[in-house]
Each structure stands twice: as structure tokens, then as C-alpha cells.
Protein backbone atom coordinates (compact mmCIF):
# COMPACT_ATOMS: atom_id res chain seq x y z
CA MET A 1 11.29 -13.38 2.08
CA TYR A 2 8.01 -15.08 1.18
CA LEU A 3 5.35 -14.00 -1.32
CA GLY A 4 2.08 -15.77 -1.85
CA PHE A 5 -1.67 -15.92 -2.27
CA MET A 6 -4.42 -17.57 -0.27
CA GLU A 7 -7.97 -17.83 -1.60
CA PHE A 8 -11.11 -17.44 0.47
CA PRO A 9 -14.44 -18.26 -1.19
CA LYS A 10 -17.04 -15.62 -0.37
CA LYS A 11 -20.78 -16.02 -0.93
CA GLY A 12 -22.26 -13.38 -3.23
CA LEU A 13 -19.02 -12.71 -5.13
CA ASP A 14 -18.31 -14.00 -8.64
CA CYS A 15 -14.64 -14.67 -7.82
CA PRO A 16 -13.06 -15.62 -4.48
CA LEU A 17 -11.32 -13.07 -2.27
CA GLN A 18 -7.57 -13.43 -2.39
CA GLN A 19 -5.12 -12.50 0.28
CA ALA A 20 -1.67 -11.57 -1.05
CA PHE A 21 1.02 -11.66 1.61
CA HIS A 22 4.63 -10.54 1.82
CA VAL A 23 6.69 -11.80 4.77
CA ILE A 24 10.26 -10.64 5.51
CA TYR A 25 12.55 -12.20 8.16
CA TYR A 26 15.41 -9.92 9.13
CA THR A 27 18.83 -11.48 9.77
CA ILE A 28 22.43 -10.32 10.15
CA ASP A 29 24.87 -12.06 7.81
CA ARG A 30 22.29 -14.85 7.28
CA GLN A 31 22.16 -15.61 11.02
CA VAL A 32 18.84 -15.61 12.85
CA LEU A 33 18.63 -12.77 15.39
CA LEU A 34 18.26 -13.48 19.09
CA LEU A 35 15.00 -11.51 19.03
CA PRO A 36 13.84 -12.08 15.47
CA GLU A 37 12.18 -9.31 13.53
CA THR A 38 9.48 -10.19 11.06
CA GLU A 39 7.58 -7.83 8.80
CA VAL A 40 4.24 -9.01 7.41
CA SER A 41 2.16 -7.18 4.84
CA VAL A 42 -1.28 -8.49 3.86
CA TYR A 43 -3.46 -7.25 0.99
CA TRP A 44 -7.05 -8.36 0.37
CA THR A 45 -8.06 -8.27 -3.30
CA THR A 46 -10.19 -9.80 -6.02
CA LEU A 47 -7.43 -9.28 -8.61
CA THR A 48 -6.15 -12.41 -10.33
CA CYS A 49 -2.58 -11.24 -11.07
CA ALA A 50 0.64 -12.39 -9.39
CA PRO A 51 1.23 -11.53 -5.69
CA TRP A 52 4.16 -9.19 -6.47
CA ARG A 53 1.93 -7.26 -8.92
CA VAL A 54 -0.85 -6.80 -6.29
CA ILE A 55 1.67 -5.47 -3.78
CA LYS A 56 3.19 -3.10 -6.36
CA LEU A 57 -0.29 -1.76 -7.28
CA TYR A 58 -1.12 -1.08 -3.62
CA ARG A 59 2.19 0.71 -3.04
CA ASP A 60 1.76 2.79 -6.24
CA HIS A 61 -1.72 3.78 -5.04
CA GLY A 62 -0.27 5.02 -1.75
CA THR A 63 2.32 7.08 -3.63
CA SER A 64 -0.37 8.72 -5.77
CA GLU A 65 -2.40 9.51 -2.65
CA GLN A 66 0.61 11.27 -1.16
CA TYR A 67 1.07 13.42 -4.26
CA HIS A 68 -2.65 14.19 -4.34
CA SER A 69 -2.54 15.33 -0.70
CA GLU A 70 0.47 17.57 -1.35
CA LEU A 71 -1.19 19.08 -4.40
CA LYS A 72 -4.37 19.88 -2.43
CA THR A 73 -2.27 21.51 0.33
CA ASP A 74 -0.41 23.67 -2.21
CA LEU A 75 -3.64 24.74 -3.95
CA VAL A 76 -5.27 25.78 -0.67
CA PHE A 77 -2.14 27.76 0.33
CA HIS A 78 -2.00 29.61 -3.02
CA ALA A 79 -5.75 30.28 -2.98
CA GLU A 80 -5.44 31.90 0.44
CA ILE A 81 -2.59 34.12 -0.73
CA PHE A 82 -4.56 35.08 -3.85
CA ALA A 83 -7.63 35.93 -1.75
CA GLN A 84 -5.60 38.04 0.67
CA THR A 85 -3.93 39.91 -2.17
CA PHE A 86 -6.96 40.34 -4.38
CA PHE A 87 -9.53 41.27 -1.69
CA ALA A 88 -7.23 43.27 0.61
């Protein structure tokens, strides 16, 4: 597993863009696979914290988006039931 940052200066920005990356090589019992599997995650940011922190923040954001979506679905469903009951 590899974690890291690369910086890319960008004109017009006060601080450079940073690319946080997370690379995972999959093995079986520490042996390289015949057809190796590699997972690469890349995150563009202007944050100046450690790479693991950037990745955690992005994953936490995705989790909150999932809960927000479920909440909106539940509210719409209950509003429809209320409307059918109240205006029927």
C-alpha cells in the first residue's frame, strides 16, 4: 500500500493543487498474483493536511451524502402518504 501527495502549481491560486493518492497492490500470502490487481484512488485538493486525512475526509463526505439521500427519500415517501391520507 502506498499513500502520498504530489503538488501541481496552478496559476491564479494562492496555494498549489495537491493530488493525494492511495495505491493498493493485492497479493495472496505476500506473493504477487499472475494477473496483478491494483487499486488506485486519486483525490485533488488544496488542503494541506496529511494524505490519509484527505482520503478520510473524502470518504466521510460520501457517507454523509448517502445518509442525506436516504433521508430525502424517506421524507418524500412520508409526505406522499400524508397527502393521500389528509386529502383523500
